[in-house]
Amino acid sequence: MFSQNEAFLEKFWGEMLSRDTQSIRAAFNPLDAQDRKTVIEHLNRMVTEDGWHAEQRASAQAALDVIKDLHTQI
């Protein structure tokens, strides 16, 4: 059984790595600046470091692309 925190993280990362623009935005937008920085750093590690499956890399890159697009719209 998941704790509330574990359930939140499971849902959050499921949305972030869904490759669905709306889900990624919905997960990322409520975060504060520090949490956004932490998420972006983790996604960048997923894209660049060894040990991640190709599908995980693709999902992380898709999330980074949506996040980058969010910043250009502001």
N, C-alpha and C. Protein backbone atom coordinates (compact mmCIF):
# COMPACT_ATOMS: atom_id res chain seq x y z
N MET A 1 0.84 -1.18 0.00
CA MET A 1 0.00 0.00 0.00
C MET A 1 0.89 1.24 0.00
N PHE A 2 0.55 2.18 -0.85
CA PHE A 2 1.31 3.43 -0.95
C PHE A 2 0.92 4.39 0.15
N SER A 3 1.91 5.12 0.67
CA SER A 3 1.61 6.23 1.55
C SER A 3 1.07 7.37 0.68
N GLN A 4 0.55 8.40 1.30
CA GLN A 4 0.04 9.54 0.51
C GLN A 4 1.14 10.14 -0.35
N ASN A 5 2.33 10.28 0.23
CA ASN A 5 3.45 10.86 -0.50
C ASN A 5 3.85 9.98 -1.68
N GLU A 6 3.93 8.68 -1.46
CA GLU A 6 4.28 7.76 -2.54
C GLU A 6 3.22 7.78 -3.64
N ALA A 7 1.96 7.85 -3.25
CA ALA A 7 0.88 7.91 -4.23
C ALA A 7 0.96 9.20 -5.04
N PHE A 8 1.25 10.32 -4.35
CA PHE A 8 1.40 11.59 -5.04
C PHE A 8 2.55 11.51 -6.06
N LEU A 9 3.70 10.99 -5.62
CA LEU A 9 4.85 10.91 -6.51
C LEU A 9 4.58 9.98 -7.70
N GLU A 10 3.92 8.88 -7.44
CA GLU A 10 3.56 7.95 -8.52
C GLU A 10 2.69 8.65 -9.57
N LYS A 11 1.69 9.38 -9.10
CA LYS A 11 0.79 10.10 -10.00
C LYS A 11 1.54 11.22 -10.72
N PHE A 12 2.34 11.99 -9.97
CA PHE A 12 3.09 13.10 -10.54
C PHE A 12 4.01 12.63 -11.67
N TRP A 13 4.83 11.63 -11.38
CA TRP A 13 5.77 11.16 -12.40
C TRP A 13 5.05 10.44 -13.54
N GLY A 14 3.93 9.81 -13.26
CA GLY A 14 3.13 9.23 -14.33
C GLY A 14 2.66 10.30 -15.30
N GLU A 15 2.24 11.44 -14.76
CA GLU A 15 1.81 12.56 -15.61
C GLU A 15 3.00 13.19 -16.32
N MET A 16 4.10 13.40 -15.61
CA MET A 16 5.27 14.04 -16.21
C MET A 16 5.84 13.22 -17.36
N LEU A 17 5.77 11.91 -17.24
CA LEU A 17 6.37 11.04 -18.25
C LEU A 17 5.34 10.44 -19.21
N SER A 18 4.15 11.02 -19.23
CA SER A 18 3.05 10.49 -20.04
C SER A 18 3.16 10.81 -21.52
N ARG A 19 3.97 11.80 -21.87
CA ARG A 19 4.08 12.32 -23.24
C ARG A 19 2.81 13.04 -23.66
N ASP A 20 1.94 13.34 -22.73
CA ASP A 20 0.71 14.07 -22.99
C ASP A 20 0.90 15.51 -22.50
N THR A 21 0.85 16.44 -23.44
CA THR A 21 1.13 17.85 -23.13
C THR A 21 0.28 18.36 -21.98
N GLN A 22 -1.00 18.10 -22.01
CA GLN A 22 -1.90 18.61 -20.96
C GLN A 22 -1.57 18.01 -19.59
N SER A 23 -1.26 16.73 -19.55
CA SER A 23 -0.91 16.08 -18.28
C SER A 23 0.40 16.63 -17.73
N ILE A 24 1.36 16.84 -18.60
CA ILE A 24 2.65 17.39 -18.18
C ILE A 24 2.46 18.80 -17.62
N ARG A 25 1.71 19.61 -18.33
CA ARG A 25 1.44 20.98 -17.85
C ARG A 25 0.71 20.96 -16.51
N ALA A 26 -0.28 20.09 -16.40
CA ALA A 26 -1.07 20.02 -15.15
C ALA A 26 -0.20 19.61 -13.97
N ALA A 27 0.78 18.76 -14.20
CA ALA A 27 1.66 18.33 -13.12
C ALA A 27 2.71 19.40 -12.80
N PHE A 28 3.22 20.06 -13.81
CA PHE A 28 4.34 20.99 -13.62
C PHE A 28 3.90 22.38 -13.14
N ASN A 29 2.81 22.89 -13.66
CA ASN A 29 2.40 24.27 -13.36
C ASN A 29 2.25 24.59 -11.87
N PRO A 30 1.70 23.71 -11.05
CA PRO A 30 1.52 24.08 -9.63
C PRO A 30 2.82 24.11 -8.81
N LEU A 31 3.91 23.60 -9.36
CA LEU A 31 5.15 23.52 -8.60
C LEU A 31 5.75 24.90 -8.35
N ASP A 32 6.41 25.03 -7.21
CA ASP A 32 7.13 26.28 -6.94
C ASP A 32 8.47 26.24 -7.68
N ALA A 33 9.20 27.35 -7.65
CA ALA A 33 10.43 27.48 -8.43
C ALA A 33 11.46 26.41 -8.07
N GLN A 34 11.62 26.12 -6.79
CA GLN A 34 12.61 25.11 -6.38
C GLN A 34 12.22 23.72 -6.86
N ASP A 35 10.94 23.36 -6.72
CA ASP A 35 10.50 22.05 -7.20
C ASP A 35 10.61 21.94 -8.71
N ARG A 36 10.32 23.02 -9.42
CA ARG A 36 10.49 23.02 -10.88
C ARG A 36 11.93 22.75 -11.26
N LYS A 37 12.84 23.42 -10.57
CA LYS A 37 14.27 23.24 -10.83
C LYS A 37 14.67 21.79 -10.60
N THR A 38 14.21 21.21 -9.49
CA THR A 38 14.52 19.82 -9.15
C THR A 38 14.00 18.86 -10.22
N VAL A 39 12.78 19.08 -10.67
CA VAL A 39 12.17 18.21 -11.70
C VAL A 39 12.94 18.33 -13.01
N ILE A 40 13.27 19.55 -13.42
CA ILE A 40 14.01 19.76 -14.67
C ILE A 40 15.38 19.08 -14.59
N GLU A 41 16.05 19.21 -13.46
CA GLU A 41 17.35 18.57 -13.29
C GLU A 41 17.23 17.05 -13.41
N HIS A 42 16.19 16.49 -12.79
CA HIS A 42 16.00 15.03 -12.87
C HIS A 42 15.70 14.60 -14.31
N LEU A 43 14.83 15.33 -14.98
CA LEU A 43 14.51 14.99 -16.37
C LEU A 43 15.76 15.08 -17.25
N ASN A 44 16.59 16.09 -17.03
CA ASN A 44 17.84 16.20 -17.78
C ASN A 44 18.77 15.02 -17.52
N ARG A 45 18.83 14.56 -16.27
CA ARG A 45 19.63 13.37 -15.97
C ARG A 45 19.07 12.15 -16.69
N MET A 46 17.76 12.03 -16.72
CA MET A 46 17.14 10.89 -17.41
C MET A 46 17.51 10.89 -18.89
N VAL A 47 17.59 12.06 -19.49
CA VAL A 47 17.89 12.17 -20.92
C VAL A 47 19.37 11.92 -21.20
N THR A 48 20.24 12.33 -20.29
CA THR A 48 21.68 12.32 -20.60
C THR A 48 22.48 11.21 -19.94
N GLU A 49 22.03 10.67 -18.82
CA GLU A 49 22.83 9.68 -18.10
C GLU A 49 22.54 8.26 -18.58
N ASP A 50 23.54 7.41 -18.45
CA ASP A 50 23.38 5.99 -18.74
C ASP A 50 22.44 5.36 -17.72
N GLY A 51 21.84 4.24 -18.10
CA GLY A 51 21.03 3.47 -17.17
C GLY A 51 19.54 3.66 -17.33
N TRP A 52 19.13 4.59 -18.17
CA TRP A 52 17.70 4.81 -18.40
C TRP A 52 17.30 4.10 -19.70
N HIS A 53 16.15 3.49 -19.70
CA HIS A 53 15.60 2.81 -20.87
C HIS A 53 15.28 3.86 -21.94
N ALA A 54 15.36 3.48 -23.20
CA ALA A 54 15.10 4.40 -24.31
C ALA A 54 13.72 5.05 -24.21
N GLU A 55 12.73 4.30 -23.77
CA GLU A 55 11.38 4.85 -23.63
C GLU A 55 11.33 5.89 -22.51
N GLN A 56 12.07 5.64 -21.42
CA GLN A 56 12.14 6.61 -20.34
C GLN A 56 12.81 7.90 -20.81
N ARG A 57 13.88 7.75 -21.59
CA ARG A 57 14.57 8.92 -22.15
C ARG A 57 13.62 9.72 -23.04
N ALA A 58 12.88 9.03 -23.88
CA ALA A 58 11.95 9.71 -24.79
C ALA A 58 10.86 10.44 -24.01
N SER A 59 10.36 9.82 -22.96
CA SER A 59 9.32 10.45 -22.14
C SER A 59 9.87 11.67 -21.41
N ALA A 60 11.10 11.55 -20.90
CA ALA A 60 11.72 12.68 -20.21
C ALA A 60 11.96 13.83 -21.19
N GLN A 61 12.41 13.52 -22.39
CA GLN A 61 12.63 14.57 -23.39
C GLN A 61 11.33 15.24 -23.78
N ALA A 62 10.27 14.46 -23.90
CA ALA A 62 8.96 15.04 -24.22
C ALA A 62 8.52 16.00 -23.12
N ALA A 63 8.74 15.63 -21.86
CA ALA A 63 8.40 16.52 -20.75
C ALA A 63 9.23 17.79 -20.80
N LEU A 64 10.52 17.66 -21.06
CA LEU A 64 11.38 18.84 -21.16
C LEU A 64 10.93 19.75 -22.30
N ASP A 65 10.51 19.17 -23.40
CA ASP A 65 10.03 19.98 -24.53
C ASP A 65 8.78 20.77 -24.15
N VAL A 66 7.86 20.14 -23.43
CA VAL A 66 6.65 20.83 -23.00
C VAL A 66 7.02 21.95 -22.02
N ILE A 67 7.91 21.65 -21.08
CA ILE A 67 8.33 22.65 -20.10
C ILE A 67 9.01 23.83 -20.79
N LYS A 68 9.87 23.54 -21.74
CA LYS A 68 10.54 24.61 -22.49
C LYS A 68 9.51 25.48 -23.22
N ASP A 69 8.51 24.83 -23.79
CA ASP A 69 7.44 25.55 -24.49
C ASP A 69 6.66 26.43 -23.51
N LEU A 70 6.44 25.95 -22.30
CA LEU A 70 5.75 26.75 -21.28
C LEU A 70 6.50 28.04 -20.99
N HIS A 71 7.82 27.94 -20.90
CA HIS A 71 8.64 29.11 -20.59
C HIS A 71 8.66 30.12 -21.73
N THR A 72 8.56 29.64 -22.96
CA THR A 72 8.56 30.58 -24.09
C THR A 72 7.22 31.27 -24.25
N GLN A 73 6.16 30.71 -23.65
CA GLN A 73 4.83 31.33 -23.75
C GLN A 73 4.61 32.42 -22.71
N ILE A 74 5.48 32.45 -21.69
CA ILE A 74 5.30 33.41 -20.60
C ILE A 74 5.85 34.77 -21.01
